[in-house]
Each structure stands twice: as structure tokens, then as C-alpha cells.
C-alpha atoms as a PDB file:
ATOM      1  CA  UNK A   1      28.700   1.567   7.874  1.00  0.00           C
ATOM      2  CA  UNK A   2      27.292   3.187   4.855  1.00  0.00           C
ATOM      3  CA  UNK A   3      23.973   2.176   3.090  1.00  0.00           C
ATOM      4  CA  UNK A   4      22.253   3.438  -0.056  1.00  0.00           C
ATOM      5  CA  UNK A   5      18.947   4.900   0.391  1.00  0.00           C
ATOM      6  CA  UNK A   6      16.295   5.574  -2.059  1.00  0.00           C
ATOM      7  CA  UNK A   7      13.322   7.676  -1.599  1.00  0.00           C
ATOM      8  CA  UNK A   8      10.679   6.645  -4.370  1.00  0.00           C
ATOM      9  CA  UNK A   9       7.203   7.942  -5.005  1.00  0.00           C
ATOM     10  CA  UNK A  10       5.035   5.051  -5.921  1.00  0.00           C
ATOM     11  CA  UNK A  11       1.799   5.046  -7.887  1.00  0.00           C
ATOM     12  CA  UNK A  12       2.997   8.183  -8.980  1.00  0.00           C
ATOM     13  CA  UNK A  13       3.467  10.001 -12.302  1.00  0.00           C
ATOM     14  CA  UNK A  14       5.521  13.022 -11.102  1.00  0.00           C
ATOM     15  CA  UNK A  15       7.077  13.699  -7.829  1.00  0.00           C
ATOM     16  CA  UNK A  16       5.282  15.026  -4.903  1.00  0.00           C
ATOM     17  CA  UNK A  17       2.405  12.594  -5.706  1.00  0.00           C
ATOM     18  CA  UNK A  18       1.570   9.191  -4.977  1.00  0.00           C
ATOM     19  CA  UNK A  19       3.207   7.377  -1.804  1.00  0.00           C
ATOM     20  CA  UNK A  20       6.775   7.740  -0.788  1.00  0.00           C
ATOM     21  CA  UNK A  21       8.648   4.717   0.182  1.00  0.00           C
ATOM     22  CA  UNK A  22      12.017   4.319   1.538  1.00  0.00           C
ATOM     23  CA  UNK A  23      14.129   1.394  -0.191  1.00  0.00           C
ATOM     24  CA  UNK A  24      17.444   0.009   1.311  1.00  0.00           C
ATOM     25  CA  UNK A  25      18.970  -2.678  -0.667  1.00  0.00           C
ATOM     26  CA  UNK A  26      21.352  -4.826   1.749  1.00  0.00           C
ATOM     27  CA  UNK A  27      23.792  -7.598   1.183  1.00  0.00           C
ATOM     28  CA  UNK A  28      22.997  -9.235   4.422  1.00  0.00           C
ATOM     29  CA  UNK A  29      20.280  -8.588   7.282  1.00  0.00           C
ATOM     30  CA  UNK A  30      20.632  -5.841   9.765  1.00  0.00           C
ATOM     31  CA  UNK A  31      19.146  -6.801  13.067  1.00  0.00           C
ATOM     32  CA  UNK A  32      15.474  -5.883  13.534  1.00  0.00           C
ATOM     33  CA  UNK A  33      16.341  -3.079  15.964  1.00  0.00           C
ATOM     34  CA  UNK A  34      18.168  -1.206  13.441  1.00  0.00           C
ATOM     35  CA  UNK A  35      16.020  -1.564  10.694  1.00  0.00           C
ATOM     36  CA  UNK A  36      13.233  -0.522  12.977  1.00  0.00           C
ATOM     37  CA  UNK A  37      15.306   2.686  13.684  1.00  0.00           C
ATOM     38  CA  UNK A  38      16.165   3.377  10.259  1.00  0.00           C
ATOM     39  CA  UNK A  39      12.410   3.304   9.261  1.00  0.00           C
ATOM     40  CA  UNK A  40      11.715   5.680  12.221  1.00  0.00           C
ATOM     41  CA  UNK A  41      14.336   8.076  11.072  1.00  0.00           C
ATOM     42  CA  UNK A  42      12.907   7.951   7.644  1.00  0.00           C
ATOM     43  CA  UNK A  43       9.360   8.644   8.997  1.00  0.00           C
ATOM     44  CA  UNK A  44       7.849   7.495   5.786  1.00  0.00           C
ATOM     45  CA  UNK A  45       4.815   5.160   5.777  1.00  0.00           C
ATOM     46  CA  UNK A  46       7.210   2.556   5.044  1.00  0.00           C
ATOM     47  CA  UNK A  47      10.775   1.317   4.415  1.00  0.00           C
ATOM     48  CA  UNK A  48      11.605  -1.525   2.494  1.00  0.00           C
ATOM     49  CA  UNK A  49      14.736  -3.644   2.990  1.00  0.00           C
ATOM     50  CA  UNK A  50      15.682  -6.545   0.598  1.00  0.00           C
ATOM     51  CA  UNK A  51      18.463  -9.006   0.194  1.00  0.00           C
ATOM     52  CA  UNK A  52      19.207 -11.071  -2.769  1.00  0.00           C
ATOM     53  CA  UNK A  53      19.154 -15.050  -2.241  1.00  0.00           C
ATOM     54  CA  UNK A  54      19.896 -16.410  -5.664  1.00  0.00           C
ATOM     55  CA  UNK A  55      17.013 -16.316  -7.929  1.00  0.00           C
ATOM     56  CA  UNK A  56      14.420 -14.287  -5.581  1.00  0.00           C
ATOM     57  CA  UNK A  57      14.874 -11.524  -3.112  1.00  0.00           C
ATOM     58  CA  UNK A  58      13.718 -11.560   0.613  1.00  0.00           C
ATOM     59  CA  UNK A  59      11.873  -8.366   1.276  1.00  0.00           C
ATOM     60  CA  UNK A  60      10.589  -6.986   4.620  1.00  0.00           C
ATOM     61  CA  UNK A  61       8.802  -3.777   5.386  1.00  0.00           C
ATOM     62  CA  UNK A  62       8.762  -1.443   8.372  1.00  0.00           C
ATOM     63  CA  UNK A  63       6.559   1.587   9.419  1.00  0.00           C
ATOM     64  CA  UNK A  64       7.853   4.168  11.578  1.00  0.00           C
ATOM     65  CA  UNK A  65       6.442   1.821  14.633  1.00  0.00           C
ATOM     66  CA  UNK A  66       6.616  -1.641  13.785  1.00  0.00           C
ATOM     67  CA  UNK A  67       7.274  -4.307  10.879  1.00  0.00           C
ATOM     68  CA  UNK A  68       4.100  -5.236   8.731  1.00  0.00           C
ATOM     69  CA  UNK A  69       3.398  -8.257   6.673  1.00  0.00           C
ATOM     70  CA  UNK A  70       2.309  -6.613   3.485  1.00  0.00           C
ATOM     71  CA  UNK A  71       3.076  -3.498   1.848  1.00  0.00           C
ATOM     72  CA  UNK A  72       2.057  -2.597  -1.689  1.00  0.00           C
ATOM     73  CA  UNK A  73       3.603   0.803  -2.545  1.00  0.00           C
ATOM     74  CA  UNK A  74       7.029  -0.136  -0.944  1.00  0.00           C
ATOM     75  CA  UNK A  75       7.100  -3.380  -2.981  1.00  0.00           C
ATOM     76  CA  UNK A  76       6.376  -1.281  -6.210  1.00  0.00           C
ATOM     77  CA  UNK A  77       9.256   1.087  -4.914  1.00  0.00           C
ATOM     78  CA  UNK A  78      11.720  -1.932  -4.401  1.00  0.00           C
ATOM     79  CA  UNK A  79      11.094  -3.124  -7.927  1.00  0.00           C
ATOM     80  CA  UNK A  80      11.627   0.293  -9.236  1.00  0.00           C
ATOM     81  CA  UNK A  81      14.885   0.430  -7.462  1.00  0.00           C
ATOM     82  CA  UNK A  82      16.225  -2.994  -8.803  1.00  0.00           C
ATOM     83  CA  UNK A  83      15.201  -2.234 -12.651  1.00  0.00           C
ATOM     84  CA  UNK A  84      16.490   1.334 -12.373  1.00  0.00           C
ATOM     85  CA  UNK A  85      19.532   1.409 -10.467  1.00  0.00           C
ATOM     86  CA  UNK A  86      20.650  -2.219  -9.760  1.00  0.00           C
ATOM     87  CA  UNK A  87      20.950  -3.549 -13.086  1.00  0.00           C
ATOM     88  CA  UNK A  88      18.095  -6.226 -12.761  1.00  0.00           C
ATOM     89  CA  UNK A  89      16.944  -7.276 -16.075  1.00  0.00           C
ATOM     90  CA  UNK A  90      14.666 -10.494 -15.623  1.00  0.00           C
ATOM     91  CA  UNK A  91      10.953 -10.283 -16.704  1.00  0.00           C
ATOM     92  CA  UNK A  92       9.858 -10.279 -13.147  1.00  0.00           C
ATOM     93  CA  UNK A  93      10.999  -9.714  -9.659  1.00  0.00           C
ATOM     94  CA  UNK A  94      10.318 -12.708  -7.231  1.00  0.00           C
ATOM     95  CA  UNK A  95       9.938 -11.349  -3.339  1.00  0.00           C
ATOM     96  CA  UNK A  96       9.988 -13.884  -0.556  1.00  0.00           C
ATOM     97  CA  UNK A  97       8.039 -12.090   2.154  1.00  0.00           C
ATOM     98  CA  UNK A  98       5.923 -12.781   5.373  1.00  0.00           C
ATOM     99  CA  UNK A  99       2.812 -12.910   3.143  1.00  0.00           C
ATOM    100  CA  UNK A 100       4.330 -15.560   0.700  1.00  0.00           C
ATOM    101  CA  UNK A 101       5.998 -15.106  -2.616  1.00  0.00           C
ATOM    102  CA  UNK A 102       5.188 -11.688  -4.455  1.00  0.00           C
ATOM    103  CA  UNK A 103       5.801 -11.094  -8.112  1.00  0.00           C
ATOM    104  CA  UNK A 104       6.316  -7.721  -9.847  1.00  0.00           C
ATOM    105  CA  UNK A 105       6.725  -7.350 -13.675  1.00  0.00           C
ATOM    106  CA  UNK A 106       6.608  -4.558 -16.051  1.00  0.00           C
ATOM    107  CA  UNK A 107       3.657  -3.967 -18.222  1.00  0.00           C
ATOM    108  CA  UNK A 108       3.565  -0.984 -20.695  1.00  0.00           C
ATOM    109  CA  UNK A 109       5.468   1.468 -18.365  1.00  0.00           C
ATOM    110  CA  UNK A 110       3.666   0.169 -15.309  1.00  0.00           C
ATOM    111  CA  UNK A 111       5.074  -1.922 -12.385  1.00  0.00           C
ATOM    112  CA  UNK A 112       2.395  -4.800 -12.105  1.00  0.00           C
ATOM    113  CA  UNK A 113       2.434  -6.595  -8.716  1.00  0.00           C
ATOM    114  CA  UNK A 114       0.788 -10.022  -8.111  1.00  0.00           C
ATOM    115  CA  UNK A 115      -0.772  -9.832  -4.533  1.00  0.00           C
ATOM    116  CA  UNK A 116      -3.307 -12.214  -2.713  1.00  0.00           C
ATOM    117  CA  UNK A 117      -7.160 -11.304  -2.778  1.00  0.00           C
ATOM    118  CA  UNK A 118      -8.696 -10.953   0.576  1.00  0.00           C
ATOM    119  CA  UNK A 119     -12.437 -11.552   1.187  1.00  0.00           C
ATOM    120  CA  UNK A 120     -14.731  -9.715   3.602  1.00  0.00           C
ATOM    121  CA  UNK A 121     -17.694 -10.194   5.737  1.00  0.00           C
ATOM    122  CA  UNK A 122     -20.318  -7.735   6.388  1.00  0.00           C
ATOM    123  CA  UNK A 123     -20.832  -6.261   9.974  1.00  0.00           C
ATOM    124  CA  UNK A 124     -22.737  -3.984  11.690  1.00  0.00           C
ATOM    125  CA  UNK A 125     -22.352  -0.138  11.369  1.00  0.00           C
ATOM    126  CA  UNK A 126     -21.935   1.067  14.859  1.00  0.00           C
ATOM    127  CA  UNK A 127     -21.974   4.435  16.282  1.00  0.00           C
ATOM    128  CA  UNK A 128     -18.476   3.998  17.513  1.00  0.00           C
ATOM    129  CA  UNK A 129     -17.115   3.616  13.722  1.00  0.00           C
ATOM    130  CA  UNK A 130     -19.407   6.642  12.654  1.00  0.00           C
ATOM    131  CA  UNK A 131     -17.823   8.740  15.393  1.00  0.00           C
ATOM    132  CA  UNK A 132     -14.451   7.700  14.509  1.00  0.00           C
ATOM    133  CA  UNK A 133     -15.128   8.500  10.705  1.00  0.00           C
ATOM    134  CA  UNK A 134     -16.887  11.594  11.380  1.00  0.00           C
ATOM    135  CA  UNK A 135     -19.642  10.098   8.914  1.00  0.00           C
ATOM    136  CA  UNK A 136     -22.000   7.279   8.763  1.00  0.00           C
ATOM    137  CA  UNK A 137     -21.079   4.763   5.937  1.00  0.00           C
ATOM    138  CA  UNK A 138     -23.728   2.781   4.182  1.00  0.00           C
ATOM    139  CA  UNK A 139     -21.992  -0.602   4.971  1.00  0.00           C
ATOM    140  CA  UNK A 140     -19.210  -1.901   6.992  1.00  0.00           C
ATOM    141  CA  UNK A 141     -17.118  -5.070   6.353  1.00  0.00           C
ATOM    142  CA  UNK A 142     -14.272  -6.958   8.118  1.00  0.00           C
ATOM    143  CA  UNK A 143     -11.540  -8.212   6.018  1.00  0.00           C
ATOM    144  CA  UNK A 144      -8.731 -10.355   6.699  1.00  0.00           C
ATOM    145  CA  UNK A 145      -6.569  -7.665   7.836  1.00  0.00           C
ATOM    146  CA  UNK A 146      -8.456  -4.270   7.537  1.00  0.00           C
ATOM    147  CA  UNK A 147     -11.938  -2.800   8.277  1.00  0.00           C
ATOM    148  CA  UNK A 148     -13.695  -1.452   5.232  1.00  0.00           C
ATOM    149  CA  UNK A 149     -16.397   1.130   5.080  1.00  0.00           C
ATOM    150  CA  UNK A 150     -18.450   1.768   2.059  1.00  0.00           C
ATOM    151  CA  UNK A 151     -20.121   5.098   1.308  1.00  0.00           C
ATOM    152  CA  UNK A 152     -22.580   6.234  -1.246  1.00  0.00           C
ATOM    153  CA  UNK A 153     -20.378   8.524  -3.351  1.00  0.00           C
ATOM    154  CA  UNK A 154     -16.939  10.001  -4.135  1.00  0.00           C
ATOM    155  CA  UNK A 155     -17.833  13.454  -2.169  1.00  0.00           C
ATOM    156  CA  UNK A 156     -18.394  11.564   0.837  1.00  0.00           C
ATOM    157  CA  UNK A 157     -14.673  10.029   0.820  1.00  0.00           C
ATOM    158  CA  UNK A 158     -13.101  13.248   0.045  1.00  0.00           C
ATOM    159  CA  UNK A 159     -14.727  15.045   2.610  1.00  0.00           C
ATOM    160  CA  UNK A 160     -14.111  12.716   5.420  1.00  0.00           C
ATOM    161  CA  UNK A 161     -12.434  14.466   8.559  1.00  0.00           C
ATOM    162  CA  UNK A 162     -11.710  11.151  10.737  1.00  0.00           C
ATOM    163  CA  UNK A 163     -10.448  11.133  14.469  1.00  0.00           C
ATOM    164  CA  UNK A 164      -7.534   9.396  14.352  1.00  0.00           C
ATOM    165  CA  UNK A 165      -7.402   8.548  18.103  1.00  0.00           C
ATOM    166  CA  UNK A 166     -10.929   6.841  17.818  1.00  0.00           C
ATOM    167  CA  UNK A 167      -9.827   5.108  14.412  1.00  0.00           C
ATOM    168  CA  UNK A 168      -6.705   3.686  16.305  1.00  0.00           C
ATOM    169  CA  UNK A 169      -8.927   1.716  18.767  1.00  0.00           C
ATOM    170  CA  UNK A 170     -11.125   0.094  15.996  1.00  0.00           C
ATOM    171  CA  UNK A 171     -10.428  -3.478  14.783  1.00  0.00           C
ATOM    172  CA  UNK A 172      -8.011  -4.084  11.935  1.00  0.00           C
ATOM    173  CA  UNK A 173      -4.861  -2.597  10.835  1.00  0.00           C
ATOM    174  CA  UNK A 174      -6.302  -0.221   8.287  1.00  0.00           C
ATOM    175  CA  UNK A 175      -9.428   1.508   7.967  1.00  0.00           C
ATOM    176  CA  UNK A 176     -10.319   1.454   4.323  1.00  0.00           C
ATOM    177  CA  UNK A 177     -13.083   3.984   3.154  1.00  0.00           C
ATOM    178  CA  UNK A 178     -14.490   3.440  -0.370  1.00  0.00           C
ATOM    179  CA  UNK A 179     -17.088   4.453  -2.610  1.00  0.00           C
ATOM    180  CA  UNK A 180     -18.059   4.374  -6.394  1.00  0.00           C
ATOM    181  CA  UNK A 181     -15.723   6.799  -8.282  1.00  0.00           C
ATOM    182  CA  UNK A 182     -16.898   9.742 -11.054  1.00  0.00           C
ATOM    183  CA  UNK A 183     -13.956   9.391 -13.365  1.00  0.00           C
ATOM    184  CA  UNK A 184     -12.555   6.161 -11.633  1.00  0.00           C
ATOM    185  CA  UNK A 185     -14.415   2.852 -11.175  1.00  0.00           C
ATOM    186  CA  UNK A 186     -13.973   3.416  -7.263  1.00  0.00           C
ATOM    187  CA  UNK A 187     -12.002   5.762  -5.068  1.00  0.00           C
ATOM    188  CA  UNK A 188     -10.768   5.370  -1.675  1.00  0.00           C
ATOM    189  CA  UNK A 189      -8.881   6.474   1.390  1.00  0.00           C
ATOM    190  CA  UNK A 190      -7.064   4.433   3.852  1.00  0.00           C
ATOM    191  CA  UNK A 191      -6.195   5.431   7.700  1.00  0.00           C
ATOM    192  CA  UNK A 192      -3.580   3.684   9.773  1.00  0.00           C
ATOM    193  CA  UNK A 193      -2.992   5.855  12.805  1.00  0.00           C
ATOM    194  CA  UNK A 194      -1.940   2.832  14.997  1.00  0.00           C
ATOM    195  CA  UNK A 195       1.349   2.337  12.643  1.00  0.00           C
ATOM    196  CA  UNK A 196       2.047   5.849  13.067  1.00  0.00           C
ATOM    197  CA  UNK A 197       0.406   6.641   9.618  1.00  0.00           C
ATOM    198  CA  UNK A 198      -2.817   9.036  10.070  1.00  0.00           C
ATOM    199  CA  UNK A 199      -3.504   8.808   6.506  1.00  0.00           C
ATOM    200  CA  UNK A 200      -1.662   6.713   4.023  1.00  0.00           C
ATOM    201  CA  UNK A 201      -1.407   8.347   0.648  1.00  0.00           C
ATOM    202  CA  UNK A 202      -1.736   5.383  -1.447  1.00  0.00           C
ATOM    203  CA  UNK A 203      -2.127   2.017  -0.314  1.00  0.00           C
ATOM    204  CA  UNK A 204      -1.581  -0.907  -2.505  1.00  0.00           C
ATOM    205  CA  UNK A 205      -2.393  -3.744  -0.014  1.00  0.00           C
ATOM    206  CA  UNK A 206      -5.699  -2.132   0.817  1.00  0.00           C
ATOM    207  CA  UNK A 207      -6.695  -3.126  -2.875  1.00  0.00           C
ATOM    208  CA  UNK A 208      -6.195  -6.819  -1.701  1.00  0.00           C
ATOM    209  CA  UNK A 209      -9.406  -6.158  -0.224  1.00  0.00           C
ATOM    210  CA  UNK A 210     -11.136  -3.524  -2.540  1.00  0.00           C
ATOM    211  CA  UNK A 211     -10.573  -5.226  -5.933  1.00  0.00           C
ATOM    212  CA  UNK A 212     -12.462  -8.421  -4.944  1.00  0.00           C
ATOM    213  CA  UNK A 213     -15.082  -6.222  -3.361  1.00  0.00           C
ATOM    214  CA  UNK A 214     -15.729  -4.057  -6.252  1.00  0.00           C
ATOM    215  CA  UNK A 215     -15.279  -7.093  -8.571  1.00  0.00           C
ATOM    216  CA  UNK A 216     -18.353  -8.487  -7.181  1.00  0.00           C
ATOM    217  CA  UNK A 217     -20.156  -5.269  -6.593  1.00  0.00           C
ATOM    218  CA  UNK A 218     -19.583  -4.171 -10.197  1.00  0.00           C
ATOM    219  CA  UNK A 219     -19.630  -7.517 -11.976  1.00  0.00           C
ATOM    220  CA  UNK A 220     -16.137  -6.470 -13.818  1.00  0.00           C
ATOM    221  CA  UNK A 221     -12.567  -7.753 -13.361  1.00  0.00           C
ATOM    222  CA  UNK A 222     -10.546  -4.688 -14.523  1.00  0.00           C
ATOM    223  CA  UNK A 223     -10.547  -1.314 -12.610  1.00  0.00           C
ATOM    224  CA  UNK A 224      -8.908   1.983 -12.726  1.00  0.00           C
ATOM    225  CA  UNK A 225      -8.774   3.150  -9.244  1.00  0.00           C
ATOM    226  CA  UNK A 226      -7.791   6.586  -7.332  1.00  0.00           C
ATOM    227  CA  UNK A 227      -6.864   6.857  -3.645  1.00  0.00           C
ATOM    228  CA  UNK A 228      -8.251  10.275  -2.882  1.00  0.00           C
ATOM    229  CA  UNK A 229      -5.483  11.569  -0.325  1.00  0.00           C
ATOM    230  CA  UNK A 230      -3.840  14.946  -0.555  1.00  0.00           C
ATOM    231  CA  UNK A 231      -1.126  13.499  -2.615  1.00  0.00           C
ATOM    232  CA  UNK A 232      -3.362  11.141  -4.600  1.00  0.00           C
ATOM    233  CA  UNK A 233      -2.488   8.080  -6.531  1.00  0.00           C
ATOM    234  CA  UNK A 234      -3.791   5.983  -9.663  1.00  0.00           C
ATOM    235  CA  UNK A 235      -3.982   2.005  -9.438  1.00  0.00           C
ATOM    236  CA  UNK A 236      -4.728  -0.054 -12.510  1.00  0.00           C
ATOM    237  CA  UNK A 237      -6.137  -3.425 -10.957  1.00  0.00           C
ATOM    238  CA  UNK A 238      -7.296  -6.712 -12.008  1.00  0.00           C
ATOM    239  CA  UNK A 239      -9.332  -9.385 -10.259  1.00  0.00           C
ATOM    240  CA  UNK A 240      -8.013 -12.975 -11.133  1.00  0.00           C
ATOM    241  CA  UNK A 241      -9.817 -15.005  -8.586  1.00  0.00           C
ATOM    242  CA  UNK A 242      -7.455 -15.628  -5.584  1.00  0.00           C
ATOM    243  CA  UNK A 243      -5.128 -13.189  -6.676  1.00  0.00           C
ATOM    244  CA  UNK A 244      -5.114  -9.603  -7.638  1.00  0.00           C
ATOM    245  CA  UNK A 245      -2.860  -7.540 -10.007  1.00  0.00           C
ATOM    246  CA  UNK A 246      -2.008  -4.155  -9.003  1.00  0.00           C
ATOM    247  CA  UNK A 247      -0.061  -1.704 -11.235  1.00  0.00           C
ATOM    248  CA  UNK A 248       1.334   1.961 -11.016  1.00  0.00           C
ATOM    249  CA  UNK A 249       4.205   3.942 -12.191  1.00  0.00           C
ATOM    250  CA  UNK A 250       6.973   5.141  -9.867  1.00  0.00           C
ATOM    251  CA  UNK A 251       9.425   7.965  -9.729  1.00  0.00           C
ATOM    252  CA  UNK A 252      12.694   8.559  -7.660  1.00  0.00           C
ATOM    253  CA  UNK A 253      12.714  11.754  -5.348  1.00  0.00           C
ATOM    254  CA  UNK A 254      16.168  11.030  -3.790  1.00  0.00           C
ATOM    255  CA  UNK A 255      19.006   8.847  -3.576  1.00  0.00           C
ATOM    256  CA  UNK A 256      21.345   9.228  -0.721  1.00  0.00           C
ATOM    257  CA  UNK A 257      23.343   7.256   1.895  1.00  0.00           C
ATOM    258  CA  UNK A 258      22.709   6.262   5.555  1.00  0.00           C
ATOM    259  CA  UNK A 259      25.944   6.858   7.535  1.00  0.00           C
ATOM    260  CA  UNK A 260      25.855   4.832  10.788  1.00  0.00           C
END
């Protein structure tokens, strides 16, 4: 068996930035075990697999450790492969996923994703959290999937040196750390060590939580955000009530074949 494999840098204007994702187009589904093994072998934050079903595509995402219910950057990467290499020309791509239907269209050179908006509730800042992050956040919130720590300024986010072992013991899938930005509306970093991703370079799905929070905090609905990982990535975001639009560019790093 031979499968096409694309490696795409999502939320990136140039290679070696943004968040790398593997994309494997399929004609029919492989076994869960085989897709998990491919994702483990790829050793990227996520590998996306999709199968066409008439007017839409079924889409699934795997980290090196497990399947996940939602992934932004690998969704953007899958749309990039469809438009750039597989002859897709419709105005928008419709993906059927474990998080419902997701839509990706092209807006002025960007891929724009329509994702759910997630609310948060404030919780107490504990010493356990402060020790895990190596710094005490000003506020702490629990969202529908992720925990989010809010700091006073961008420098606090950039200087974080977390203990990944301790973060993996906290509630939530992702630990999102965020603050107001200097050149951007807000900045963030996201840690997902329990899924085999100590720090995710650019996390589209984290902005399902970040965008509604900052919309309420800043009293605006459009944002230019930056994820301040080593690779870094820019996200153009809009708050639309119960949905968020998350947009960015993508570039292809590699196209190859998986030989099984």
C-alpha cells in the first residue's frame, strides 16, 4: 500500500514557522490502529486523515498519542492540500468531524475556518498551577476542553518555563497561557504534554476559547493574535457569537509517500 503524505506549515507565511501538520488523503478509512501508528511515526503535533463523502469530507486528527476531537492547524492544512494539490475548487470545504461540521473558505489569501466558540468559568489560582507554569497567573479559567491562565503582559508569556510533567497532571487537554500583546491584540502559548506535545507551535483550536474571552475582555470582535512559541504563528480571528472565525496562511514543506 502506498499513501500520499503532505507536510504543511499552518498559520505560516514561510516554511520553518507556524505549526507543521501531516495530511494523508484517503479513498477509504484505514484502521484506527494504522492511522495512530502513522501519526506516531510522523511525530508531528497532528496528522489529519480525510475521506470524501459526496459534497463533504470526513476528517479525523491524530496526535502521536491519540485521536483528538478538534484540531485547527491540521484542518487548515487539509484544506490547503485540497485546494493546492487535489483540484478542489468550491468556495468552501465542508468537513464532518467529531466536533460537528467545520467550514474552511479562502479569504484574501488566507484560509478561514469556522469553529465553535467555547465559554470559560473562573477558577481559583492554585499553587499547583503556579508551580507547573513556573509563574503565578493573574487569573485562571476552565473551559469546555482546556484550562487557561491569564497573565499581565506579553513578557510573562514569552518567559514561561513550565514543568511539562506537572502540566500533564492538570485538568483539561491543553494548558493555554495568554496576555494582552504589544503588537497584537493578544498573545498566547499552549502546552499539551499529555498528548505527546510539550508545546504546540500554533494551536487553532485554542482560539475557540481565546477569542470569546478576549472579545469580552477587550470589547471588540476582530483580533490579530500571535502564538509566541519558538516557531510562532499569526492568526486573524473574529468572534461571531457562538462561532469563531480563525484564519491564517499555509505553506507546503514536503510531499512524499508512505509505503506500507
